[in-house]
């Protein structure tokens, strides 16, 4: 998450740089190079697949976080367990 956080164009939609497709693509490539060994040595097809997978995973994490904010006024949904309530929080809630 720190790698994505360092790439403001990937998460801060209020900034003009977030609309620059080339800058965003290069930022995603940097994230993939950090996450995947030998990323720079791979052929273009493998790079594209890995980049797509990382982008999809990030979208899933971000969307799940936003959804958790919308439920129960920012708290995670409560689950009924043996007549008591347990609060389930999103894994990365404190980091996003």
PDB file of N, CA and C in Angstrom:
ATOM      1  N   UNK A   1       0.820  -1.196   0.000  1.00  0.00           N
ATOM      2  CA  UNK A   1       0.000   0.000   0.000  1.00  0.00           C
ATOM      3  C   UNK A   1       0.862   1.257   0.000  1.00  0.00           C
ATOM      4  N   UNK A   2       2.029   1.154   0.619  1.00  0.00           N
ATOM      5  CA  UNK A   2       2.905   2.319   0.645  1.00  0.00           C
ATOM      6  C   UNK A   2       3.357   2.712  -0.764  1.00  0.00           C
ATOM      7  N   UNK A   3       3.539   1.713  -1.620  1.00  0.00           N
ATOM      8  CA  UNK A   3       3.967   1.996  -2.988  1.00  0.00           C
ATOM      9  C   UNK A   3       2.878   2.768  -3.720  1.00  0.00           C
ATOM     10  N   UNK A   4       1.648   2.335  -3.574  1.00  0.00           N
ATOM     11  CA  UNK A   4       0.537   3.035  -4.225  1.00  0.00           C
ATOM     12  C   UNK A   4       0.349   4.412  -3.609  1.00  0.00           C
ATOM     13  N   UNK A   5       0.503   4.501  -2.312  1.00  0.00           N
ATOM     14  CA  UNK A   5       0.367   5.796  -1.642  1.00  0.00           C
ATOM     15  C   UNK A   5       1.399   6.793  -2.159  1.00  0.00           C
ATOM     16  N   UNK A   6       2.578   6.316  -2.521  1.00  0.00           N
ATOM     17  CA  UNK A   6       3.621   7.207  -3.030  1.00  0.00           C
ATOM     18  C   UNK A   6       3.318   7.696  -4.453  1.00  0.00           C
ATOM     19  N   UNK A   7       2.397   7.044  -5.127  1.00  0.00           N
ATOM     20  CA  UNK A   7       1.999   7.422  -6.490  1.00  0.00           C
ATOM     21  C   UNK A   7       0.657   8.143  -6.426  1.00  0.00           C
ATOM     22  N   UNK A   8       0.705   9.423  -6.174  1.00  0.00           N
ATOM     23  CA  UNK A   8      -0.505  10.216  -5.947  1.00  0.00           C
ATOM     24  C   UNK A   8      -1.498  10.143  -7.102  1.00  0.00           C
ATOM     25  N   UNK A   9      -1.000   9.982  -8.315  1.00  0.00           N
ATOM     26  CA  UNK A   9      -1.893   9.943  -9.478  1.00  0.00           C
ATOM     27  C   UNK A   9      -2.804   8.715  -9.461  1.00  0.00           C
ATOM     28  N   UNK A  10      -2.483   7.701  -8.663  1.00  0.00           N
ATOM     29  CA  UNK A  10      -3.294   6.482  -8.616  1.00  0.00           C
ATOM     30  C   UNK A  10      -4.458   6.574  -7.646  1.00  0.00           C
ATOM     31  N   UNK A  11      -4.398   7.477  -6.689  1.00  0.00           N
ATOM     32  CA  UNK A  11      -5.442   7.491  -5.666  1.00  0.00           C
ATOM     33  C   UNK A  11      -6.074   8.849  -5.411  1.00  0.00           C
ATOM     34  N   UNK A  12      -5.428   9.932  -5.753  1.00  0.00           N
ATOM     35  CA  UNK A  12      -5.970  11.259  -5.449  1.00  0.00           C
ATOM     36  C   UNK A  12      -6.657  11.843  -6.680  1.00  0.00           C
ATOM     37  N   UNK A  13      -7.969  11.623  -6.770  1.00  0.00           N
ATOM     38  CA  UNK A  13      -8.706  12.067  -7.957  1.00  0.00           C
ATOM     39  C   UNK A  13      -8.927  13.576  -7.990  1.00  0.00           C
ATOM     40  N   UNK A  14      -8.575  14.265  -6.914  1.00  0.00           N
ATOM     41  CA  UNK A  14      -8.736  15.715  -6.892  1.00  0.00           C
ATOM     42  C   UNK A  14      -7.590  16.418  -7.616  1.00  0.00           C
ATOM     43  N   UNK A  15      -6.524  15.705  -7.864  1.00  0.00           N
ATOM     44  CA  UNK A  15      -5.351  16.286  -8.536  1.00  0.00           C
ATOM     45  C   UNK A  15      -5.452  16.104 -10.042  1.00  0.00           C
ATOM     46  N   UNK A  16      -4.907  17.064 -10.753  1.00  0.00           N
ATOM     47  CA  UNK A  16      -4.925  17.014 -12.208  1.00  0.00           C
ATOM     48  C   UNK A  16      -4.120  15.831 -12.743  1.00  0.00           C
ATOM     49  N   UNK A  17      -3.074  15.425 -12.028  1.00  0.00           N
ATOM     50  CA  UNK A  17      -2.228  14.316 -12.499  1.00  0.00           C
ATOM     51  C   UNK A  17      -2.983  12.990 -12.560  1.00  0.00           C
ATOM     52  N   UNK A  18      -4.080  12.881 -11.831  1.00  0.00           N
ATOM     53  CA  UNK A  18      -4.833  11.626 -11.848  1.00  0.00           C
ATOM     54  C   UNK A  18      -5.528  11.388 -13.188  1.00  0.00           C
ATOM     55  N   UNK A  19      -5.609  12.401 -14.012  1.00  0.00           N
ATOM     56  CA  UNK A  19      -6.248  12.278 -15.318  1.00  0.00           C
ATOM     57  C   UNK A  19      -5.245  11.968 -16.434  1.00  0.00           C
ATOM     58  N   UNK A  20      -3.965  11.983 -16.107  1.00  0.00           N
ATOM     59  CA  UNK A  20      -2.910  11.728 -17.089  1.00  0.00           C
ATOM     60  C   UNK A  20      -2.718  10.219 -17.234  1.00  0.00           C
ATOM     61  N   UNK A  21      -3.197   9.662 -18.352  1.00  0.00           N
ATOM     62  CA  UNK A  21      -3.153   8.208 -18.565  1.00  0.00           C
ATOM     63  C   UNK A  21      -1.725   7.664 -18.625  1.00  0.00           C
ATOM     64  N   UNK A  22      -0.845   8.390 -19.255  1.00  0.00           N
ATOM     65  CA  UNK A  22       0.541   7.927 -19.373  1.00  0.00           C
ATOM     66  C   UNK A  22       1.212   7.903 -18.005  1.00  0.00           C
ATOM     67  N   UNK A  23       0.993   8.933 -17.224  1.00  0.00           N
ATOM     68  CA  UNK A  23       1.563   8.990 -15.876  1.00  0.00           C
ATOM     69  C   UNK A  23       1.008   7.867 -15.006  1.00  0.00           C
ATOM     70  N   UNK A  24      -0.302   7.625 -15.110  1.00  0.00           N
ATOM     71  CA  UNK A  24      -0.913   6.535 -14.333  1.00  0.00           C
ATOM     72  C   UNK A  24      -0.388   5.167 -14.774  1.00  0.00           C
ATOM     73  N   UNK A  25      -0.264   4.964 -16.079  1.00  0.00           N
ATOM     74  CA  UNK A  25       0.258   3.695 -16.581  1.00  0.00           C
ATOM     75  C   UNK A  25       1.682   3.460 -16.083  1.00  0.00           C
ATOM     76  N   UNK A  26       2.511   4.500 -16.134  1.00  0.00           N
ATOM     77  CA  UNK A  26       3.883   4.371 -15.651  1.00  0.00           C
ATOM     78  C   UNK A  26       3.926   4.133 -14.145  1.00  0.00           C
ATOM     79  N   UNK A  27       3.018   4.746 -13.420  1.00  0.00           N
ATOM     80  CA  UNK A  27       2.951   4.533 -11.970  1.00  0.00           C
ATOM     81  C   UNK A  27       2.574   3.088 -11.668  1.00  0.00           C
ATOM     82  N   UNK A  28       1.608   2.531 -12.409  1.00  0.00           N
ATOM     83  CA  UNK A  28       1.238   1.129 -12.210  1.00  0.00           C
ATOM     84  C   UNK A  28       2.400   0.206 -12.559  1.00  0.00           C
ATOM     85  N   UNK A  29       3.150   0.558 -13.577  1.00  0.00           N
ATOM     86  CA  UNK A  29       4.330  -0.248 -13.928  1.00  0.00           C
ATOM     87  C   UNK A  29       5.360  -0.210 -12.792  1.00  0.00           C
ATOM     88  N   UNK A  30       5.535   0.954 -12.169  1.00  0.00           N
ATOM     89  CA  UNK A  30       6.449   1.056 -11.031  1.00  0.00           C
ATOM     90  C   UNK A  30       5.976   0.193  -9.866  1.00  0.00           C
ATOM     91  N   UNK A  31       4.677   0.195  -9.624  1.00  0.00           N
ATOM     92  CA  UNK A  31       4.115  -0.639  -8.555  1.00  0.00           C
ATOM     93  C   UNK A  31       4.371  -2.111  -8.867  1.00  0.00           C
ATOM     94  N   UNK A  32       4.138  -2.507 -10.101  1.00  0.00           N
ATOM     95  CA  UNK A  32       4.353  -3.901 -10.497  1.00  0.00           C
ATOM     96  C   UNK A  32       5.831  -4.280 -10.402  1.00  0.00           C
ATOM     97  N   UNK A  33       6.707  -3.369 -10.771  1.00  0.00           N
ATOM     98  CA  UNK A  33       8.140  -3.645 -10.682  1.00  0.00           C
ATOM     99  C   UNK A  33       8.553  -3.845  -9.224  1.00  0.00           C
ATOM    100  N   UNK A  34       7.910  -3.135  -8.321  1.00  0.00           N
ATOM    101  CA  UNK A  34       8.182  -3.302  -6.895  1.00  0.00           C
ATOM    102  C   UNK A  34       7.665  -4.644  -6.384  1.00  0.00           C
ATOM    103  N   UNK A  35       6.497  -5.050  -6.859  1.00  0.00           N
ATOM    104  CA  UNK A  35       5.854  -6.263  -6.361  1.00  0.00           C
ATOM    105  C   UNK A  35       6.364  -7.549  -7.012  1.00  0.00           C
ATOM    106  N   UNK A  36       6.764  -7.479  -8.255  1.00  0.00           N
ATOM    107  CA  UNK A  36       7.108  -8.681  -9.025  1.00  0.00           C
ATOM    108  C   UNK A  36       8.598  -8.694  -9.370  1.00  0.00           C
ATOM    109  N   UNK A  37       9.280  -9.748  -8.944  1.00  0.00           N
ATOM    110  CA  UNK A  37      10.696  -9.887  -9.285  1.00  0.00           C
ATOM    111  C   UNK A  37      10.847 -10.033 -10.793  1.00  0.00           C
ATOM    112  N   UNK A  38      11.884  -9.452 -11.331  1.00  0.00           N
ATOM    113  CA  UNK A  38      12.205  -9.535 -12.761  1.00  0.00           C
ATOM    114  C   UNK A  38      11.101  -8.985 -13.653  1.00  0.00           C
ATOM    115  N   UNK A  39      10.320  -8.066 -13.165  1.00  0.00           N
ATOM    116  CA  UNK A  39       9.230  -7.492 -13.962  1.00  0.00           C
ATOM    117  C   UNK A  39       9.772  -6.829 -15.220  1.00  0.00           C
ATOM    118  N   UNK A  40      10.869  -6.115 -15.084  1.00  0.00           N
ATOM    119  CA  UNK A  40      11.427  -5.384 -16.232  1.00  0.00           C
ATOM    120  C   UNK A  40      11.970  -6.329 -17.307  1.00  0.00           C
ATOM    121  N   UNK A  41      12.317  -7.554 -16.929  1.00  0.00           N
ATOM    122  CA  UNK A  41      12.874  -8.515 -17.886  1.00  0.00           C
ATOM    123  C   UNK A  41      11.808  -9.335 -18.607  1.00  0.00           C
ATOM    124  N   UNK A  42      10.570  -9.195 -18.218  1.00  0.00           N
ATOM    125  CA  UNK A  42       9.483  -9.984 -18.815  1.00  0.00           C
ATOM    126  C   UNK A  42       9.097  -9.424 -20.177  1.00  0.00           C
ATOM    127  N   UNK A  43       8.448 -10.273 -20.972  1.00  0.00           N
ATOM    128  CA  UNK A  43       7.940  -9.780 -22.245  1.00  0.00           C
ATOM    129  C   UNK A  43       6.691  -8.928 -22.004  1.00  0.00           C
ATOM    130  N   UNK A  44       6.316  -8.198 -23.022  1.00  0.00           N
ATOM    131  CA  UNK A  44       5.221  -7.227 -22.880  1.00  0.00           C
ATOM    132  C   UNK A  44       3.905  -7.878 -22.477  1.00  0.00           C
ATOM    133  N   UNK A  45       3.628  -9.052 -23.004  1.00  0.00           N
ATOM    134  CA  UNK A  45       2.368  -9.745 -22.683  1.00  0.00           C
ATOM    135  C   UNK A  45       2.288 -10.059 -21.192  1.00  0.00           C
ATOM    136  N   UNK A  46       3.368 -10.584 -20.611  1.00  0.00           N
ATOM    137  CA  UNK A  46       3.385 -10.888 -19.181  1.00  0.00           C
ATOM    138  C   UNK A  46       3.288  -9.620 -18.342  1.00  0.00           C
ATOM    139  N   UNK A  47       3.973  -8.569 -18.769  1.00  0.00           N
ATOM    140  CA  UNK A  47       3.892  -7.288 -18.056  1.00  0.00           C
ATOM    141  C   UNK A  47       2.452  -6.775 -18.032  1.00  0.00           C
ATOM    142  N   UNK A  48       1.789  -6.860 -19.178  1.00  0.00           N
ATOM    143  CA  UNK A  48       0.406  -6.388 -19.268  1.00  0.00           C
ATOM    144  C   UNK A  48      -0.519  -7.209 -18.369  1.00  0.00           C
ATOM    145  N   UNK A  49      -0.319  -8.531 -18.337  1.00  0.00           N
ATOM    146  CA  UNK A  49      -1.147  -9.390 -17.489  1.00  0.00           C
ATOM    147  C   UNK A  49      -0.945  -9.074 -16.006  1.00  0.00           C
ATOM    148  N   UNK A  50       0.297  -8.931 -15.604  1.00  0.00           N
ATOM    149  CA  UNK A  50       0.595  -8.635 -14.207  1.00  0.00           C
ATOM    150  C   UNK A  50       0.050  -7.258 -13.838  1.00  0.00           C
ATOM    151  N   UNK A  51       0.250  -6.290 -14.703  1.00  0.00           N
ATOM    152  CA  UNK A  51      -0.259  -4.935 -14.439  1.00  0.00           C
ATOM    153  C   UNK A  51      -1.771  -4.955 -14.304  1.00  0.00           C
ATOM    154  N   UNK A  52      -2.441  -5.673 -15.174  1.00  0.00           N
ATOM    155  CA  UNK A  52      -3.896  -5.780 -15.101  1.00  0.00           C
ATOM    156  C   UNK A  52      -4.335  -6.445 -13.798  1.00  0.00           C
ATOM    157  N   UNK A  53      -3.649  -7.509 -13.409  1.00  0.00           N
ATOM    158  CA  UNK A  53      -3.983  -8.194 -12.150  1.00  0.00           C
ATOM    159  C   UNK A  53      -3.803  -7.281 -10.943  1.00  0.00           C
ATOM    160  N   UNK A  54      -2.709  -6.545 -10.912  1.00  0.00           N
ATOM    161  CA  UNK A  54      -2.444  -5.636  -9.788  1.00  0.00           C
ATOM    162  C   UNK A  54      -3.487  -4.525  -9.747  1.00  0.00           C
ATOM    163  N   UNK A  55      -3.822  -3.976 -10.903  1.00  0.00           N
ATOM    164  CA  UNK A  55      -4.840  -2.918 -10.958  1.00  0.00           C
ATOM    165  C   UNK A  55      -6.197  -3.443 -10.483  1.00  0.00           C
ATOM    166  N   UNK A  56      -6.558  -4.643 -10.900  1.00  0.00           N
ATOM    167  CA  UNK A  56      -7.836  -5.229 -10.471  1.00  0.00           C
ATOM    168  C   UNK A  56      -7.849  -5.493  -8.977  1.00  0.00           C
ATOM    169  N   UNK A  57      -6.743  -5.977  -8.458  1.00  0.00           N
ATOM    170  CA  UNK A  57      -6.652  -6.242  -7.019  1.00  0.00           C
ATOM    171  C   UNK A  57      -6.791  -4.937  -6.235  1.00  0.00           C
ATOM    172  N   UNK A  58      -6.130  -3.891  -6.691  1.00  0.00           N
ATOM    173  CA  UNK A  58      -6.231  -2.600  -6.018  1.00  0.00           C
ATOM    174  C   UNK A  58      -7.663  -2.064  -6.089  1.00  0.00           C
ATOM    175  N   UNK A  59      -8.302  -2.209  -7.230  1.00  0.00           N
ATOM    176  CA  UNK A  59      -9.692  -1.763  -7.365  1.00  0.00           C
ATOM    177  C   UNK A  59     -10.587  -2.495  -6.379  1.00  0.00           C
ATOM    178  N   UNK A  60     -10.360  -3.774  -6.228  1.00  0.00           N
ATOM    179  CA  UNK A  60     -11.143  -4.567  -5.286  1.00  0.00           C
ATOM    180  C   UNK A  60     -10.918  -4.081  -3.853  1.00  0.00           C
ATOM    181  N   UNK A  61      -9.666  -3.856  -3.475  1.00  0.00           N
ATOM    182  CA  UNK A  61      -9.351  -3.370  -2.126  1.00  0.00           C
ATOM    183  C   UNK A  61      -9.997  -2.014  -1.890  1.00  0.00           C
ATOM    184  N   UNK A  62      -9.847  -1.098  -2.842  1.00  0.00           N
ATOM    185  CA  UNK A  62     -10.398   0.247  -2.711  1.00  0.00           C
ATOM    186  C   UNK A  62     -11.926   0.214  -2.626  1.00  0.00           C
ATOM    187  N   UNK A  63     -12.552  -0.562  -3.506  1.00  0.00           N
ATOM    188  CA  UNK A  63     -14.011  -0.631  -3.521  1.00  0.00           C
ATOM    189  C   UNK A  63     -14.564  -1.239  -2.242  1.00  0.00           C
ATOM    190  N   UNK A  64     -13.882  -2.262  -1.728  1.00  0.00           N
ATOM    191  CA  UNK A  64     -14.318  -2.877  -0.474  1.00  0.00           C
ATOM    192  C   UNK A  64     -14.189  -1.896   0.679  1.00  0.00           C
ATOM    193  N   UNK A  65     -13.136  -1.112   0.670  1.00  0.00           N
ATOM    194  CA  UNK A  65     -12.953  -0.093   1.703  1.00  0.00           C
ATOM    195  C   UNK A  65     -14.069   0.946   1.637  1.00  0.00           C
ATOM    196  N   UNK A  66     -14.361   1.442   0.463  1.00  0.00           N
ATOM    197  CA  UNK A  66     -15.428   2.438   0.295  1.00  0.00           C
ATOM    198  C   UNK A  66     -16.763   1.860   0.741  1.00  0.00           C
ATOM    199  N   UNK A  67     -17.019   0.628   0.387  1.00  0.00           N
ATOM    200  CA  UNK A  67     -18.258  -0.022   0.802  1.00  0.00           C
ATOM    201  C   UNK A  67     -18.334  -0.130   2.324  1.00  0.00           C
ATOM    202  N   UNK A  68     -17.204  -0.431   2.966  1.00  0.00           N
ATOM    203  CA  UNK A  68     -17.203  -0.533   4.429  1.00  0.00           C
ATOM    204  C   UNK A  68     -17.479   0.820   5.075  1.00  0.00           C
ATOM    205  N   UNK A  69     -17.079   1.905   4.416  1.00  0.00           N
ATOM    206  CA  UNK A  69     -17.363   3.238   4.943  1.00  0.00           C
ATOM    207  C   UNK A  69     -18.852   3.561   4.865  1.00  0.00           C
ATOM    208  N   UNK A  70     -19.502   3.052   3.837  1.00  0.00           N
ATOM    209  CA  UNK A  70     -20.907   3.351   3.612  1.00  0.00           C
ATOM    210  C   UNK A  70     -21.851   2.547   4.499  1.00  0.00           C
ATOM    211  N   UNK A  71     -21.370   1.429   5.060  1.00  0.00           N
ATOM    212  CA  UNK A  71     -22.244   0.595   5.877  1.00  0.00           C
ATOM    213  C   UNK A  71     -22.243   1.083   7.314  1.00  0.00           C
ATOM    214  N   UNK A  72     -23.393   1.229   7.877  1.00  0.00           N
ATOM    215  CA  UNK A  72     -23.554   1.568   9.290  1.00  0.00           C
ATOM    216  C   UNK A  72     -22.739   2.793   9.698  1.00  0.00           C
ATOM    217  N   UNK A  73     -22.831   3.865   8.931  1.00  0.00           N
ATOM    218  CA  UNK A  73     -22.168   5.133   9.248  1.00  0.00           C
ATOM    219  C   UNK A  73     -20.668   4.986   9.432  1.00  0.00           C
ATOM    220  N   UNK A  74     -20.031   4.238   8.549  1.00  0.00           N
ATOM    221  CA  UNK A  74     -18.583   4.110   8.600  1.00  0.00           C
ATOM    222  C   UNK A  74     -18.088   2.924   9.389  1.00  0.00           C
ATOM    223  N   UNK A  75     -18.961   2.210  10.050  1.00  0.00           N
ATOM    224  CA  UNK A  75     -18.527   1.018  10.760  1.00  0.00           C
ATOM    225  C   UNK A  75     -18.903  -0.198   9.933  1.00  0.00           C
ATOM    226  N   UNK A  76     -18.167  -1.263  10.148  1.00  0.00           N
ATOM    227  CA  UNK A  76     -18.455  -2.497   9.420  1.00  0.00           C
ATOM    228  C   UNK A  76     -19.777  -3.074   9.887  1.00  0.00           C
ATOM    229  N   UNK A  77     -20.376  -3.878   9.043  1.00  0.00           N
ATOM    230  CA  UNK A  77     -21.658  -4.488   9.383  1.00  0.00           C
ATOM    231  C   UNK A  77     -21.506  -5.406  10.586  1.00  0.00           C
ATOM    232  N   UNK A  78     -22.564  -5.525  11.355  1.00  0.00           N
ATOM    233  CA  UNK A  78     -22.538  -6.396  12.526  1.00  0.00           C
ATOM    234  C   UNK A  78     -23.118  -7.750  12.149  1.00  0.00           C
ATOM    235  N   UNK A  79     -22.534  -8.786  12.711  1.00  0.00           N
ATOM    236  CA  UNK A  79     -22.964 -10.148  12.443  1.00  0.00           C
ATOM    237  C   UNK A  79     -23.483 -10.745  13.737  1.00  0.00           C
ATOM    238  N   UNK A  80     -24.649 -11.349  13.670  1.00  0.00           N
ATOM    239  CA  UNK A  80     -25.256 -11.931  14.860  1.00  0.00           C
ATOM    240  C   UNK A  80     -24.631 -13.300  15.123  1.00  0.00           C
ATOM    241  N   UNK A  81     -24.007 -13.460  16.293  1.00  0.00           N
ATOM    242  CA  UNK A  81     -23.364 -14.717  16.658  1.00  0.00           C
ATOM    243  C   UNK A  81     -23.762 -15.057  18.092  1.00  0.00           C
ATOM    244  N   UNK A  82     -24.539 -16.128  18.280  1.00  0.00           N
ATOM    245  CA  UNK A  82     -24.964 -16.614  19.594  1.00  0.00           C
ATOM    246  C   UNK A  82     -25.518 -15.474  20.464  1.00  0.00           C
ATOM    247  N   UNK A  83     -26.429 -14.748  19.933  1.00  0.00           N
ATOM    248  CA  UNK A  83     -27.127 -13.651  20.599  1.00  0.00           C
ATOM    249  C   UNK A  83     -26.204 -12.535  21.089  1.00  0.00           C
ATOM    250  N   UNK A  84     -25.011 -12.425  20.504  1.00  0.00           N
ATOM    251  CA  UNK A  84     -24.146 -11.270  20.739  1.00  0.00           C
ATOM    252  C   UNK A  84     -23.742 -10.732  19.380  1.00  0.00           C
ATOM    253  N   UNK A  85     -23.286  -9.509  19.347  1.00  0.00           N
ATOM    254  CA  UNK A  85     -22.873  -8.912  18.088  1.00  0.00           C
ATOM    255  C   UNK A  85     -21.360  -8.777  18.055  1.00  0.00           C
ATOM    256  N   UNK A  86     -20.777  -9.160  16.938  1.00  0.00           N
ATOM    257  CA  UNK A  86     -19.347  -9.037  16.729  1.00  0.00           C
ATOM    258  C   UNK A  86     -19.146  -8.084  15.566  1.00  0.00           C
ATOM    259  N   UNK A  87     -18.268  -7.114  15.741  1.00  0.00           N
ATOM    260  CA  UNK A  87     -17.998  -6.163  14.675  1.00  0.00           C
ATOM    261  C   UNK A  87     -16.885  -6.716  13.811  1.00  0.00           C
ATOM    262  N   UNK A  88     -17.158  -6.800  12.521  1.00  0.00           N
ATOM    263  CA  UNK A  88     -16.176  -7.278  11.560  1.00  0.00           C
ATOM    264  C   UNK A  88     -15.651  -6.060  10.822  1.00  0.00           C
ATOM    265  N   UNK A  89     -14.361  -5.823  10.909  1.00  0.00           N
ATOM    266  CA  UNK A  89     -13.777  -4.685  10.213  1.00  0.00           C
ATOM    267  C   UNK A  89     -13.018  -5.152   8.991  1.00  0.00           C
ATOM    268  N   UNK A  90     -12.922  -4.301   8.033  1.00  0.00           N
ATOM    269  CA  UNK A  90     -12.218  -4.584   6.796  1.00  0.00           C
ATOM    270  C   UNK A  90     -10.723  -4.689   7.075  1.00  0.00           C
ATOM    271  N   UNK A  91     -10.044  -5.650   6.446  1.00  0.00           N
ATOM    272  CA  UNK A  91      -8.617  -5.917   6.704  1.00  0.00           C
ATOM    273  C   UNK A  91      -7.738  -4.682   6.671  1.00  0.00           C
ATOM    274  N   UNK A  92      -7.868  -3.872   5.652  1.00  0.00           N
ATOM    275  CA  UNK A  92      -6.963  -2.744   5.455  1.00  0.00           C
ATOM    276  C   UNK A  92      -7.592  -1.419   5.890  1.00  0.00           C
ATOM    277  N   UNK A  93      -8.634  -1.468   6.694  1.00  0.00           N
ATOM    278  CA  UNK A  93      -9.392  -0.270   7.065  1.00  0.00           C
ATOM    279  C   UNK A  93      -8.473   0.818   7.642  1.00  0.00           C
ATOM    280  N   UNK A  94      -7.611   0.443   8.560  1.00  0.00           N
ATOM    281  CA  UNK A  94      -6.765   1.449   9.227  1.00  0.00           C
ATOM    282  C   UNK A  94      -5.673   1.986   8.314  1.00  0.00           C
ATOM    283  N   UNK A  95      -5.363   1.298   7.229  1.00  0.00           N
ATOM    284  CA  UNK A  95      -4.289   1.721   6.357  1.00  0.00           C
ATOM    285  C   UNK A  95      -4.763   2.563   5.188  1.00  0.00           C
ATOM    286  N   UNK A  96      -6.092   2.586   4.937  1.00  0.00           N
ATOM    287  CA  UNK A  96      -6.586   3.358   3.788  1.00  0.00           C
ATOM    288  C   UNK A  96      -7.112   4.698   4.212  1.00  0.00           C
TER     289      UNK A  96
END
